[in-house]
Amino acid sequence: MSRHQGQNRAATKWIVWIALFACLAGPYWPNAPGLAFMALALFGLLHLAVLVYEQIAQAHFDANMTPQEYEHYCAALLRESRWAARVTRASGDQGVDIVAEKRGARIVVQCKKYRKPVGNRAVQEIVAAIAHEDAQRGVVVATNGYTRAAERLAASNRVLLLHHSQLHRIDRLLQQ
């Protein structure tokens, strides 16, 4: 089941509970049980509003997004993890797509929306970008994995190679 389907199922359950409590409140209104049922319905309505907001506000991956949209998507995921992330301009970025800061730490991120595994060149570019941007670490985010050579080069330069689904755990991954 996808995340979107799970959120829809949760919203449906909350709508049923809201309707049930609102109906139960009717015969007991305005006595104490009616007020309690109405309070539960209101609580459910507030929770439903939060579920809808999260569904709208959270970044969602789309296989048809452009590479630039993918960069903004990755930056949004970093911001959800409380990083101050900004997407760099498209040209002259020195291999940096995103610069992110949190608690005095700076990371540079390169995003690769490729159909094939990412090779050495992306790792080489992010290693150079670490020095250029005065960052502590570099991260390459790709949709379809990495070549063995890229993995070896990244390991020897303390560069993280991630899939965008791992960005929510970036704080823990950077500490390793």
Protein backbone atom coordinates (compact mmCIF):
# COMPACT_ATOMS: atom_id res chain seq x y z
CA MET A 1 0.00 0.00 0.00
CA SER A 2 1.38 3.42 -0.91
CA ARG A 3 1.71 6.28 1.56
CA HIS A 4 -1.05 8.15 -0.28
CA GLN A 5 -3.46 5.21 -0.01
CA GLY A 6 -2.66 4.85 3.70
CA GLN A 7 -3.42 8.51 4.31
CA ASN A 8 -6.73 8.21 2.43
CA ARG A 9 -7.68 5.16 4.49
CA ALA A 10 -6.85 7.01 7.72
CA ALA A 11 -8.91 10.01 6.62
CA THR A 12 -11.88 7.74 5.82
CA LYS A 13 -11.71 6.17 9.29
CA TRP A 14 -11.68 9.61 10.91
CA ILE A 15 -14.68 10.74 8.84
CA VAL A 16 -16.64 7.69 10.03
CA TRP A 17 -15.76 8.42 13.68
CA ILE A 18 -16.68 12.10 13.30
CA ALA A 19 -20.06 11.19 11.80
CA LEU A 20 -20.69 8.59 14.52
CA PHE A 21 -19.91 10.98 17.37
CA ALA A 22 -21.94 13.78 15.79
CA CYS A 23 -24.94 11.46 15.42
CA LEU A 24 -24.57 10.21 18.99
CA ALA A 25 -24.46 13.80 20.26
CA GLY A 26 -27.89 14.63 18.78
CA PRO A 27 -30.21 12.74 21.15
CA TYR A 28 -28.18 13.76 24.22
CA TRP A 29 -27.78 17.43 23.32
CA PRO A 30 -27.27 19.72 25.36
CA ASN A 31 -26.63 17.36 28.29
CA ALA A 32 -23.18 16.15 29.35
CA PRO A 33 -23.06 13.03 27.12
CA GLY A 34 -24.07 15.11 24.10
CA LEU A 35 -21.34 17.64 24.84
CA ALA A 36 -18.79 14.82 25.23
CA PHE A 37 -19.79 13.25 21.90
CA MET A 38 -19.65 16.64 20.18
CA ALA A 39 -16.20 17.30 21.69
CA LEU A 40 -15.00 13.94 20.33
CA ALA A 41 -16.42 14.83 16.90
CA LEU A 42 -14.63 18.19 17.01
CA PHE A 43 -11.38 16.51 18.01
CA GLY A 44 -11.78 14.14 15.06
CA LEU A 45 -12.43 17.06 12.74
CA LEU A 46 -9.24 18.79 13.90
CA HIS A 47 -7.24 15.59 13.41
CA LEU A 48 -8.72 15.20 9.93
CA ALA A 49 -7.63 18.76 9.10
CA VAL A 50 -4.07 17.88 10.14
CA LEU A 51 -4.11 14.76 7.95
CA VAL A 52 -5.30 16.79 4.95
CA TYR A 53 -2.69 19.50 5.58
CA GLU A 54 0.10 16.91 5.76
CA GLN A 55 -1.07 15.33 2.52
CA ILE A 56 -1.05 18.71 0.77
CA ALA A 57 2.06 20.23 2.38
CA GLN A 58 4.45 17.28 2.24
CA ALA A 59 6.65 16.78 -0.79
CA HIS A 60 5.67 13.90 -3.04
CA PHE A 61 7.88 12.11 -5.55
CA ASP A 62 6.68 11.94 -9.14
CA ALA A 63 8.59 9.80 -11.64
CA ASN A 64 7.78 12.36 -14.35
CA MET A 65 9.31 15.35 -12.57
CA THR A 66 12.15 17.19 -14.28
CA PRO A 67 15.68 17.15 -12.80
CA GLN A 68 15.09 20.69 -11.51
CA GLU A 69 11.83 19.64 -9.86
CA TYR A 70 13.70 16.69 -8.34
CA GLU A 71 16.22 19.12 -6.81
CA HIS A 72 13.37 21.13 -5.26
CA TYR A 73 11.75 17.91 -4.05
CA CYS A 74 15.00 16.85 -2.31
CA ALA A 75 15.35 20.33 -0.76
CA ALA A 76 11.79 20.07 0.54
CA LEU A 77 12.60 16.71 2.15
CA LEU A 78 15.62 18.28 3.85
CA ARG A 79 13.46 21.16 5.09
CA GLU A 80 11.02 18.60 6.55
CA SER A 81 14.01 17.36 8.59
CA ARG A 82 14.63 20.93 9.82
CA TRP A 83 17.54 21.73 7.48
CA ALA A 84 17.74 25.24 6.02
CA ALA A 85 18.03 24.03 2.43
CA ARG A 86 18.30 26.21 -0.66
CA VAL A 87 18.49 25.12 -4.27
CA THR A 88 21.35 26.74 -6.18
CA ARG A 89 20.92 28.29 -9.59
CA ALA A 90 21.06 25.89 -12.52
CA SER A 91 24.25 27.13 -14.17
CA GLY A 92 27.61 27.74 -12.53
CA ASP A 93 26.67 25.77 -9.42
CA GLN A 94 30.04 23.94 -9.30
CA GLY A 95 28.24 20.61 -8.98
CA VAL A 96 26.12 21.73 -6.05
CA ASP A 97 22.35 21.52 -6.38
CA ILE A 98 21.47 22.17 -2.73
CA VAL A 99 23.30 23.85 0.13
CA ALA A 100 21.81 22.94 3.50
CA GLU A 101 22.65 24.08 7.01
CA LYS A 102 21.61 22.92 10.45
CA ARG A 103 23.12 23.72 13.85
CA GLY A 104 26.28 25.13 12.31
CA ALA A 105 26.83 22.16 10.00
CA ARG A 106 26.83 22.71 6.25
CA ILE A 107 26.31 20.01 3.64
CA VAL A 108 26.30 20.18 -0.13
CA VAL A 109 23.96 17.95 -2.10
CA GLN A 110 23.98 16.88 -5.69
CA CYS A 111 20.73 15.41 -7.05
CA LYS A 112 20.75 12.94 -9.92
CA LYS A 113 17.49 11.86 -11.50
CA TYR A 114 18.93 9.24 -13.81
CA ARG A 115 17.56 6.05 -15.31
CA LYS A 116 20.91 4.30 -14.72
CA PRO A 117 23.24 4.08 -11.70
CA VAL A 118 25.29 7.21 -10.99
CA GLY A 119 29.03 6.94 -11.62
CA ASN A 120 32.28 8.47 -10.34
CA ARG A 121 31.82 11.90 -11.88
CA ALA A 122 29.03 12.92 -9.47
CA VAL A 123 31.18 11.88 -6.50
CA GLN A 124 34.20 13.76 -7.87
CA GLU A 125 32.07 16.89 -8.34
CA ILE A 126 30.64 16.77 -4.83
CA VAL A 127 34.12 16.27 -3.33
CA ALA A 128 35.25 19.45 -5.10
CA ALA A 129 32.05 21.20 -4.02
CA ILE A 130 32.72 20.43 -0.34
CA ALA A 131 35.88 22.54 -0.49
CA HIS A 132 34.32 25.20 -2.72
CA GLU A 133 31.30 25.73 -0.43
CA ASP A 134 33.26 25.24 2.83
CA ALA A 135 30.98 22.36 3.77
CA GLN A 136 31.59 19.57 6.26
CA ARG A 137 30.07 16.78 4.15
CA GLY A 138 28.80 16.00 0.69
CA VAL A 139 25.76 14.01 -0.32
CA VAL A 140 24.72 12.61 -3.68
CA VAL A 141 21.04 11.73 -3.99
CA ALA A 142 20.00 9.52 -6.89
CA THR A 143 16.90 7.72 -8.05
CA ASN A 144 18.59 4.59 -9.39
CA GLY A 145 21.61 3.73 -7.27
CA TYR A 146 25.35 3.95 -7.86
CA THR A 147 28.12 2.08 -9.61
CA ARG A 148 30.61 0.11 -7.48
CA ALA A 149 33.38 2.55 -8.45
CA ALA A 150 31.23 5.48 -7.23
CA GLU A 151 30.57 3.67 -3.94
CA ARG A 152 34.30 3.06 -3.38
CA LEU A 153 35.21 6.67 -4.20
CA ALA A 154 32.45 8.00 -1.95
CA ALA A 155 33.57 5.79 0.95
CA SER A 156 37.16 7.04 0.71
CA ASN A 157 35.97 10.68 0.70
CA ARG A 158 33.21 10.42 3.36
CA VAL A 159 30.52 11.26 0.79
CA LEU A 160 27.04 9.90 1.46
CA LEU A 161 25.30 8.16 -1.43
CA LEU A 162 21.56 8.15 -0.80
CA HIS A 163 18.20 7.53 -2.37
CA HIS A 164 15.71 10.34 -1.78
CA SER A 165 13.68 8.03 0.49
CA GLN A 166 16.62 8.11 2.94
CA LEU A 167 16.73 11.92 3.28
CA HIS A 168 14.40 11.87 6.28
CA ARG A 169 17.18 10.00 8.15
CA ILE A 170 20.03 12.22 7.02
CA ASP A 171 20.93 13.41 10.53
CA ARG A 172 21.60 9.84 11.67
CA LEU A 173 23.36 8.92 8.43
CA LEU A 174 25.72 11.90 8.72
CA GLN A 175 26.74 10.83 12.22
CA GLN A 176 27.85 7.37 11.06
